[in-house]
PDB file of all heavy atoms in Angstrom:
ATOM      1  N   ALA A   1      -1.279  -1.325 -12.480  1.00  0.00           N
ATOM      2  CA  ALA A   1      -0.261  -1.239 -13.520  1.00  0.00           C
ATOM      3  C   ALA A   1       1.129  -0.927 -12.953  1.00  0.00           C
ATOM      4  O   ALA A   1       2.140  -1.203 -13.605  1.00  0.00           O
ATOM      5  CB  ALA A   1      -0.652  -0.176 -14.548  1.00  0.00           C
ATOM      6  N   ASP A   2       1.179  -0.367 -11.746  1.00  0.00           N
ATOM      7  CA  ASP A   2       2.456  -0.058 -11.111  1.00  0.00           C
ATOM      8  C   ASP A   2       2.990  -1.225 -10.281  1.00  0.00           C
ATOM      9  O   ASP A   2       4.053  -1.119  -9.664  1.00  0.00           O
ATOM     10  CB  ASP A   2       2.323   1.177 -10.218  1.00  0.00           C
ATOM     11  CG  ASP A   2       1.973   2.430 -11.011  1.00  0.00           C
ATOM     12  OD1 ASP A   2       2.507   2.572 -12.122  1.00  0.00           O
ATOM     13  OD2 ASP A   2       1.165   3.244 -10.526  1.00  0.00           O
ATOM     14  N   GLY A   3       2.222  -2.310 -10.242  1.00  0.00           N
ATOM     15  CA  GLY A   3       2.649  -3.469  -9.468  1.00  0.00           C
ATOM     16  C   GLY A   3       2.219  -3.461  -8.024  1.00  0.00           C
ATOM     17  O   GLY A   3       2.574  -4.358  -7.255  1.00  0.00           O
ATOM     18  N   ASP A   4       1.441  -2.455  -7.600  1.00  0.00           N
ATOM     19  CA  ASP A   4       0.967  -2.396  -6.223  1.00  0.00           C
ATOM     20  C   ASP A   4      -0.189  -3.370  -6.016  1.00  0.00           C
ATOM     21  O   ASP A   4      -1.063  -3.506  -6.874  1.00  0.00           O
ATOM     22  CB  ASP A   4       0.505  -0.983  -5.871  1.00  0.00           C
ATOM     23  CG  ASP A   4       1.640   0.024  -5.905  1.00  0.00           C
ATOM     24  OD1 ASP A   4       2.782  -0.374  -5.630  1.00  0.00           O
ATOM     25  OD2 ASP A   4       1.387   1.204  -6.221  1.00  0.00           O
ATOM     26  N   VAL A   5      -0.188  -4.013  -4.873  1.00  0.00           N
ATOM     27  CA  VAL A   5      -1.235  -4.961  -4.507  1.00  0.00           C
ATOM     28  C   VAL A   5      -2.207  -4.289  -3.551  1.00  0.00           C
ATOM     29  O   VAL A   5      -1.791  -3.640  -2.586  1.00  0.00           O
ATOM     30  CB  VAL A   5      -0.649  -6.211  -3.828  1.00  0.00           C
ATOM     31  CG1 VAL A   5      -1.759  -7.132  -3.334  1.00  0.00           C
ATOM     32  CG2 VAL A   5       0.267  -6.961  -4.786  1.00  0.00           C
ATOM     33  N   ALA A   6      -3.493  -4.435  -3.817  1.00  0.00           N
ATOM     34  CA  ALA A   6      -4.517  -3.939  -2.899  1.00  0.00           C
ATOM     35  C   ALA A   6      -4.982  -5.093  -2.023  1.00  0.00           C
ATOM     36  O   ALA A   6      -5.239  -6.189  -2.509  1.00  0.00           O
ATOM     37  CB  ALA A   6      -5.693  -3.355  -3.675  1.00  0.00           C
ATOM     38  N   ILE A   7      -5.071  -4.848  -0.721  1.00  0.00           N
ATOM     39  CA  ILE A   7      -5.472  -5.869   0.238  1.00  0.00           C
ATOM     40  C   ILE A   7      -6.627  -5.339   1.072  1.00  0.00           C
ATOM     41  O   ILE A   7      -6.550  -4.242   1.621  1.00  0.00           O
ATOM     42  CB  ILE A   7      -4.301  -6.227   1.189  1.00  0.00           C
ATOM     43  CG1 ILE A   7      -3.066  -6.646   0.388  1.00  0.00           C
ATOM     44  CG2 ILE A   7      -4.711  -7.317   2.168  1.00  0.00           C
ATOM     45  CD1 ILE A   7      -1.826  -6.792   1.258  1.00  0.00           C
ATOM     46  N   ARG A   8      -7.702  -6.090   1.142  1.00  0.00           N
ATOM     47  CA  ARG A   8      -8.829  -5.688   1.983  1.00  0.00           C
ATOM     48  C   ARG A   8      -8.753  -6.421   3.312  1.00  0.00           C
ATOM     49  O   ARG A   8      -8.638  -7.640   3.365  1.00  0.00           O
ATOM     50  CB  ARG A   8     -10.166  -6.008   1.308  1.00  0.00           C
ATOM     51  CG  ARG A   8     -11.382  -5.604   2.156  1.00  0.00           C
ATOM     52  CD  ARG A   8     -12.674  -5.918   1.424  1.00  0.00           C
ATOM     53  NE  ARG A   8     -12.792  -7.324   1.114  1.00  0.00           N
ATOM     54  CZ  ARG A   8     -13.218  -8.258   1.966  1.00  0.00           C
ATOM     55  NH1 ARG A   8     -13.538  -7.917   3.196  1.00  0.00           N
ATOM     56  NH2 ARG A   8     -13.305  -9.511   1.594  1.00  0.00           N
ATOM     57  N   VAL A   9      -8.829  -5.669   4.390  1.00  0.00           N
ATOM     58  CA  VAL A   9      -8.882  -6.238   5.729  1.00  0.00           C
ATOM     59  C   VAL A   9     -10.075  -5.615   6.427  1.00  0.00           C
ATOM     60  O   VAL A   9     -10.010  -4.490   6.923  1.00  0.00           O
ATOM     61  CB  VAL A   9      -7.589  -5.973   6.525  1.00  0.00           C
ATOM     62  CG1 VAL A   9      -7.655  -6.653   7.883  1.00  0.00           C
ATOM     63  CG2 VAL A   9      -6.377  -6.457   5.751  1.00  0.00           C
ATOM     64  N   GLY A  10     -11.205  -6.330   6.448  1.00  0.00           N
ATOM     65  CA  GLY A  10     -12.428  -5.752   6.997  1.00  0.00           C
ATOM     66  C   GLY A  10     -12.843  -4.556   6.166  1.00  0.00           C
ATOM     67  O   GLY A  10     -13.019  -4.645   4.956  1.00  0.00           O
ATOM     68  N   SER A  11     -12.997  -3.400   6.821  1.00  0.00           N
ATOM     69  CA  SER A  11     -13.388  -2.184   6.114  1.00  0.00           C
ATOM     70  C   SER A  11     -12.176  -1.356   5.704  1.00  0.00           C
ATOM     71  O   SER A  11     -12.318  -0.258   5.181  1.00  0.00           O
ATOM     72  CB  SER A  11     -14.311  -1.337   7.001  1.00  0.00           C
ATOM     73  OG  SER A  11     -13.631  -0.958   8.195  1.00  0.00           O
ATOM     74  N   THR A  12     -10.985  -1.888   5.952  1.00  0.00           N
ATOM     75  CA  THR A  12      -9.754  -1.156   5.656  1.00  0.00           C
ATOM     76  C   THR A  12      -9.095  -1.694   4.392  1.00  0.00           C
ATOM     77  O   THR A  12      -9.153  -2.881   4.125  1.00  0.00           O
ATOM     78  CB  THR A  12      -8.754  -1.290   6.834  1.00  0.00           C
ATOM     79  OG1 THR A  12      -9.385  -0.829   8.023  1.00  0.00           O
ATOM     80  CG2 THR A  12      -7.493  -0.504   6.581  1.00  0.00           C
ATOM     81  N   MET A  13      -8.479  -0.810   3.625  1.00  0.00           N
ATOM     82  CA  MET A  13      -7.743  -1.239   2.446  1.00  0.00           C
ATOM     83  C   MET A  13      -6.287  -0.828   2.590  1.00  0.00           C
ATOM     84  O   MET A  13      -5.967   0.327   2.852  1.00  0.00           O
ATOM     85  CB  MET A  13      -8.339  -0.642   1.169  1.00  0.00           C
ATOM     86  CG  MET A  13      -7.687  -1.196  -0.094  1.00  0.00           C
ATOM     87  SD  MET A  13      -8.668  -0.944  -1.594  1.00  0.00           S
ATOM     88  CE  MET A  13      -8.657   0.840  -1.700  1.00  0.00           C
ATOM     89  N   LEU A  14      -5.404  -1.811   2.420  1.00  0.00           N
ATOM     90  CA  LEU A  14      -3.974  -1.579   2.464  1.00  0.00           C
ATOM     91  C   LEU A  14      -3.393  -1.807   1.071  1.00  0.00           C
ATOM     92  O   LEU A  14      -4.017  -2.431   0.219  1.00  0.00           O
ATOM     93  CB  LEU A  14      -3.296  -2.550   3.436  1.00  0.00           C
ATOM     94  CG  LEU A  14      -3.929  -2.785   4.801  1.00  0.00           C
ATOM     95  CD1 LEU A  14      -3.103  -3.800   5.585  1.00  0.00           C
ATOM     96  CD2 LEU A  14      -4.040  -1.484   5.564  1.00  0.00           C
ATOM     97  N   PHE A  15      -2.180  -1.306   0.874  1.00  0.00           N
ATOM     98  CA  PHE A  15      -1.467  -1.553  -0.372  1.00  0.00           C
ATOM     99  C   PHE A  15      -0.091  -2.104  -0.052  1.00  0.00           C
ATOM    100  O   PHE A  15       0.450  -1.885   1.042  1.00  0.00           O
ATOM    101  CB  PHE A  15      -1.355  -0.269  -1.200  1.00  0.00           C
ATOM    102  CG  PHE A  15      -2.676   0.227  -1.713  1.00  0.00           C
ATOM    103  CD1 PHE A  15      -3.455   1.077  -0.937  1.00  0.00           C
ATOM    104  CD2 PHE A  15      -3.151  -0.165  -2.953  1.00  0.00           C
ATOM    105  CE1 PHE A  15      -4.677   1.531  -1.394  1.00  0.00           C
ATOM    106  CE2 PHE A  15      -4.373   0.279  -3.416  1.00  0.00           C
ATOM    107  CZ  PHE A  15      -5.135   1.129  -2.645  1.00  0.00           C
ATOM    108  N   LEU A  16       0.469  -2.817  -1.008  1.00  0.00           N
ATOM    109  CA  LEU A  16       1.767  -3.445  -0.828  1.00  0.00           C
ATOM    110  C   LEU A  16       2.583  -3.264  -2.091  1.00  0.00           C
ATOM    111  O   LEU A  16       2.070  -3.409  -3.198  1.00  0.00           O
ATOM    112  CB  LEU A  16       1.568  -4.928  -0.514  1.00  0.00           C
ATOM    113  CG  LEU A  16       2.782  -5.848  -0.351  1.00  0.00           C
ATOM    114  CD1 LEU A  16       2.401  -7.051   0.514  1.00  0.00           C
ATOM    115  CD2 LEU A  16       3.318  -6.341  -1.696  1.00  0.00           C
ATOM    116  N   ARG A  17       3.855  -2.946  -1.932  1.00  0.00           N
ATOM    117  CA  ARG A  17       4.764  -2.942  -3.066  1.00  0.00           C
ATOM    118  C   ARG A  17       6.135  -3.429  -2.608  1.00  0.00           C
ATOM    119  O   ARG A  17       6.481  -3.336  -1.431  1.00  0.00           O
ATOM    120  CB  ARG A  17       4.869  -1.555  -3.722  1.00  0.00           C
ATOM    121  CG  ARG A  17       5.537  -0.489  -2.923  1.00  0.00           C
ATOM    122  CD  ARG A  17       5.819   0.774  -3.751  1.00  0.00           C
ATOM    123  NE  ARG A  17       4.672   1.254  -4.496  1.00  0.00           N
ATOM    124  CZ  ARG A  17       4.648   2.428  -5.133  1.00  0.00           C
ATOM    125  NH1 ARG A  17       5.722   3.218  -5.098  1.00  0.00           N
ATOM    126  NH2 ARG A  17       3.585   2.819  -5.795  1.00  0.00           N
ATOM    127  N   THR A  18       6.889  -3.958  -3.553  1.00  0.00           N
ATOM    128  CA  THR A  18       8.220  -4.474  -3.248  1.00  0.00           C
ATOM    129  C   THR A  18       9.276  -3.555  -3.840  1.00  0.00           C
ATOM    130  O   THR A  18       9.026  -2.837  -4.809  1.00  0.00           O
ATOM    131  CB  THR A  18       8.397  -5.890  -3.819  1.00  0.00           C
ATOM    132  OG1 THR A  18       8.174  -5.860  -5.238  1.00  0.00           O
ATOM    133  CG2 THR A  18       7.412  -6.860  -3.175  1.00  0.00           C
ATOM    134  N   SER A  19      10.463  -3.587  -3.259  1.00  0.00           N
ATOM    135  CA  SER A  19      11.550  -2.759  -3.757  1.00  0.00           C
ATOM    136  C   SER A  19      12.166  -3.392  -4.998  1.00  0.00           C
ATOM    137  O   SER A  19      12.080  -4.605  -5.209  1.00  0.00           O
ATOM    138  CB  SER A  19      12.620  -2.584  -2.685  1.00  0.00           C
ATOM    139  OG  SER A  19      13.191  -3.839  -2.340  1.00  0.00           O
ATOM    140  N   ALA A  20      12.795  -2.558  -5.818  1.00  0.00           N
ATOM    141  CA  ALA A  20      13.372  -3.028  -7.075  1.00  0.00           C
ATOM    142  C   ALA A  20      14.466  -4.061  -6.856  1.00  0.00           C
ATOM    143  O   ALA A  20      14.692  -4.930  -7.708  1.00  0.00           O
ATOM    144  CB  ALA A  20      13.913  -1.846  -7.877  1.00  0.00           C
ATOM    145  N   ASP A  21      15.152  -4.000  -5.710  1.00  0.00           N
ATOM    146  CA  ASP A  21      16.225  -4.955  -5.446  1.00  0.00           C
ATOM    147  C   ASP A  21      15.738  -6.205  -4.714  1.00  0.00           C
ATOM    148  O   ASP A  21      16.540  -7.085  -4.373  1.00  0.00           O
ATOM    149  CB  ASP A  21      17.361  -4.298  -4.663  1.00  0.00           C
ATOM    150  CG  ASP A  21      16.901  -3.730  -3.315  1.00  0.00           C
ATOM    151  OD1 ASP A  21      15.748  -3.981  -2.916  1.00  0.00           O
ATOM    152  OD2 ASP A  21      17.708  -3.027  -2.678  1.00  0.00           O
ATOM    153  N   GLY A  22      14.424  -6.286  -4.458  1.00  0.00           N
ATOM    154  CA  GLY A  22      13.870  -7.475  -3.825  1.00  0.00           C
ATOM    155  C   GLY A  22      14.218  -7.637  -2.361  1.00  0.00           C
ATOM    156  O   GLY A  22      14.056  -8.723  -1.798  1.00  0.00           O
ATOM    157  N   GLN A  23      14.673  -6.571  -1.705  1.00  0.00           N
ATOM    158  CA  GLN A  23      15.090  -6.678  -0.305  1.00  0.00           C
ATOM    159  C   GLN A  23      14.049  -6.187   0.691  1.00  0.00           C
ATOM    160  O   GLN A  23      14.236  -6.334   1.897  1.00  0.00           O
ATOM    161  CB  GLN A  23      16.391  -5.885  -0.089  1.00  0.00           C
ATOM    162  CG  GLN A  23      17.572  -6.434  -0.859  1.00  0.00           C
ATOM    163  CD  GLN A  23      18.891  -5.867  -0.364  1.00  0.00           C
ATOM    164  OE1 GLN A  23      19.116  -5.769   0.836  1.00  0.00           O
ATOM    165  NE2 GLN A  23      19.760  -5.500  -1.284  1.00  0.00           N
ATOM    166  N   GLU A  24      12.939  -5.625   0.193  1.00  0.00           N
ATOM    167  CA  GLU A  24      11.997  -4.994   1.119  1.00  0.00           C
ATOM    168  C   GLU A  24      10.576  -5.076   0.577  1.00  0.00           C
ATOM    169  O   GLU A  24      10.339  -4.967  -0.628  1.00  0.00           O
ATOM    170  CB  GLU A  24      12.387  -3.526   1.311  1.00  0.00           C
ATOM    171  CG  GLU A  24      11.495  -2.736   2.239  1.00  0.00           C
ATOM    172  CD  GLU A  24      11.847  -1.259   2.236  1.00  0.00           C
ATOM    173  OE1 GLU A  24      12.418  -0.789   1.216  1.00  0.00           O
ATOM    174  OE2 GLU A  24      11.543  -0.579   3.217  1.00  0.00           O
ATOM    175  N   ILE A  25       9.650  -5.267   1.503  1.00  0.00           N
ATOM    176  CA  ILE A  25       8.221  -5.158   1.210  1.00  0.00           C
ATOM    177  C   ILE A  25       7.696  -3.985   2.030  1.00  0.00           C
ATOM    178  O   ILE A  25       7.935  -3.911   3.240  1.00  0.00           O
ATOM    179  CB  ILE A  25       7.458  -6.431   1.614  1.00  0.00           C
ATOM    180  CG1 ILE A  25       8.005  -7.656   0.866  1.00  0.00           C
ATOM    181  CG2 ILE A  25       5.959  -6.274   1.352  1.00  0.00           C
ATOM    182  CD1 ILE A  25       7.502  -8.971   1.435  1.00  0.00           C
ATOM    183  N   VAL A  26       7.021  -3.072   1.374  1.00  0.00           N
ATOM    184  CA  VAL A  26       6.428  -1.944   2.085  1.00  0.00           C
ATOM    185  C   VAL A  26       4.907  -2.060   2.021  1.00  0.00           C
ATOM    186  O   VAL A  26       4.322  -2.140   0.935  1.00  0.00           O
ATOM    187  CB  VAL A  26       6.876  -0.595   1.494  1.00  0.00           C
ATOM    188  CG1 VAL A  26       6.088   0.550   2.126  1.00  0.00           C
ATOM    189  CG2 VAL A  26       8.363  -0.382   1.742  1.00  0.00           C
ATOM    190  N   LEU A  27       4.298  -2.100   3.182  1.00  0.00           N
ATOM    191  CA  LEU A  27       2.843  -2.048   3.302  1.00  0.00           C
ATOM    192  C   LEU A  27       2.470  -0.614   3.657  1.00  0.00           C
ATOM    193  O   LEU A  27       3.122   0.013   4.497  1.00  0.00           O
ATOM    194  CB  LEU A  27       2.355  -2.985   4.402  1.00  0.00           C
ATOM    195  CG  LEU A  27       2.433  -4.478   4.104  1.00  0.00           C
ATOM    196  CD1 LEU A  27       2.406  -5.270   5.388  1.00  0.00           C
ATOM    197  CD2 LEU A  27       1.281  -4.891   3.206  1.00  0.00           C
ATOM    198  N   PHE A  28       1.427  -0.095   3.022  1.00  0.00           N
ATOM    199  CA  PHE A  28       1.042   1.278   3.318  1.00  0.00           C
ATOM    200  C   PHE A  28      -0.456   1.460   3.139  1.00  0.00           C
ATOM    201  O   PHE A  28      -1.104   0.724   2.396  1.00  0.00           O
ATOM    202  CB  PHE A  28       1.809   2.268   2.445  1.00  0.00           C
ATOM    203  CG  PHE A  28       1.667   2.059   0.956  1.00  0.00           C
ATOM    204  CD1 PHE A  28       0.769   2.810   0.208  1.00  0.00           C
ATOM    205  CD2 PHE A  28       2.448   1.120   0.298  1.00  0.00           C
ATOM    206  CE1 PHE A  28       0.650   2.629  -1.167  1.00  0.00           C
ATOM    207  CE2 PHE A  28       2.343   0.935  -1.078  1.00  0.00           C
ATOM    208  CZ  PHE A  28       1.439   1.693  -1.806  1.00  0.00           C
ATOM    209  N   ALA A  29      -0.975   2.436   3.848  1.00  0.00           N
ATOM    210  CA  ALA A  29      -2.409   2.737   3.784  1.00  0.00           C
ATOM    211  C   ALA A  29      -2.604   4.240   3.808  1.00  0.00           C
ATOM    212  O   ALA A  29      -2.097   4.914   4.710  1.00  0.00           O
ATOM    213  CB  ALA A  29      -3.153   2.102   4.957  1.00  0.00           C
ATOM    214  N   PRO A  30      -3.309   4.784   2.836  1.00  0.00           N
ATOM    215  CA  PRO A  30      -3.672   6.202   2.902  1.00  0.00           C
ATOM    216  C   PRO A  30      -4.810   6.361   3.905  1.00  0.00           C
ATOM    217  O   PRO A  30      -5.872   5.775   3.738  1.00  0.00           O
ATOM    218  CB  PRO A  30      -4.122   6.514   1.467  1.00  0.00           C
ATOM    219  CG  PRO A  30      -4.575   5.196   0.915  1.00  0.00           C
ATOM    220  CD  PRO A  30      -3.790   4.128   1.609  1.00  0.00           C
ATOM    221  N   VAL A  31      -4.580   7.116   4.966  1.00  0.00           N
ATOM    222  CA  VAL A  31      -5.578   7.189   6.035  1.00  0.00           C
ATOM    223  C   VAL A  31      -6.321   8.518   6.089  1.00  0.00           C
ATOM    224  O   VAL A  31      -7.463   8.572   6.550  1.00  0.00           O
ATOM    225  CB  VAL A  31      -4.946   6.889   7.409  1.00  0.00           C
ATOM    226  CG1 VAL A  31      -4.591   5.415   7.517  1.00  0.00           C
ATOM    227  CG2 VAL A  31      -3.718   7.745   7.661  1.00  0.00           C
ATOM    228  N   VAL A  32      -5.670   9.603   5.648  1.00  0.00           N
ATOM    229  CA  VAL A  32      -6.336  10.906   5.647  1.00  0.00           C
ATOM    230  C   VAL A  32      -6.026  11.620   4.335  1.00  0.00           C
ATOM    231  O   VAL A  32      -4.886  11.604   3.866  1.00  0.00           O
ATOM    232  CB  VAL A  32      -5.882  11.794   6.827  1.00  0.00           C
ATOM    233  CG1 VAL A  32      -6.641  13.127   6.806  1.00  0.00           C
ATOM    234  CG2 VAL A  32      -6.094  11.085   8.154  1.00  0.00           C
ATOM    235  N   HIS A  33      -7.043  12.242   3.757  1.00  0.00           N
ATOM    236  CA  HIS A  33      -6.914  12.931   2.481  1.00  0.00           C
ATOM    237  C   HIS A  33      -7.349  14.389   2.626  1.00  0.00           C
ATOM    238  O   HIS A  33      -8.111  14.741   3.523  1.00  0.00           O
ATOM    239  CB  HIS A  33      -7.800  12.260   1.421  1.00  0.00           C
ATOM    240  CG  HIS A  33      -7.567  10.787   1.293  1.00  0.00           C
ATOM    241  ND1 HIS A  33      -6.910  10.226   0.228  1.00  0.00           N
ATOM    242  CD2 HIS A  33      -7.910   9.751   2.102  1.00  0.00           C
ATOM    243  CE1 HIS A  33      -6.852   8.912   0.379  1.00  0.00           C
ATOM    244  NE2 HIS A  33      -7.459   8.604   1.509  1.00  0.00           N
ATOM    245  N   ASP A  34      -6.857  15.211   1.716  1.00  0.00           N
ATOM    246  CA  ASP A  34      -7.273  16.613   1.641  1.00  0.00           C
ATOM    247  C   ASP A  34      -7.064  17.352   2.964  1.00  0.00           C
ATOM    248  O   ASP A  34      -7.958  18.067   3.449  1.00  0.00           O
ATOM    249  CB  ASP A  34      -8.750  16.722   1.223  1.00  0.00           C
ATOM    250  CG  ASP A  34      -9.022  16.035  -0.102  1.00  0.00           C
ATOM    251  OD1 ASP A  34      -8.116  15.998  -0.944  1.00  0.00           O
ATOM    252  OD2 ASP A  34     -10.143  15.516  -0.273  1.00  0.00           O
ATOM    253  N   ILE A  35      -5.890  17.190   3.542  1.00  0.00           N
ATOM    254  CA  ILE A  35      -5.630  17.837   4.824  1.00  0.00           C
ATOM    255  C   ILE A  35      -5.516  19.354   4.637  1.00  0.00           C
ATOM    256  O   ILE A  35      -5.157  19.841   3.575  1.00  0.00           O
ATOM    257  CB  ILE A  35      -4.346  17.306   5.483  1.00  0.00           C
ATOM    258  CG1 ILE A  35      -3.125  17.662   4.621  1.00  0.00           C
ATOM    259  CG2 ILE A  35      -4.427  15.815   5.731  1.00  0.00           C
ATOM    260  CD1 ILE A  35      -1.823  17.445   5.333  1.00  0.00           C
ATOM    261  N   ALA A  36      -5.814  20.072   5.693  1.00  0.00           N
ATOM    262  CA  ALA A  36      -5.701  21.526   5.676  1.00  0.00           C
ATOM    263  C   ALA A  36      -4.552  21.943   6.576  1.00  0.00           C
ATOM    264  O   ALA A  36      -4.621  21.789   7.797  1.00  0.00           O
ATOM    265  CB  ALA A  36      -7.012  22.156   6.158  1.00  0.00           C
TER     266      ALA A  36
END
């Protein structure tokens, strides 16, 4: 609903979103959760 794209690459999942001005694509992956 936020416009983020989920991409599967093997066992890894990446996400993609674009900037409001259309000048940038950001790819990101959450790699570690619940850090101490």
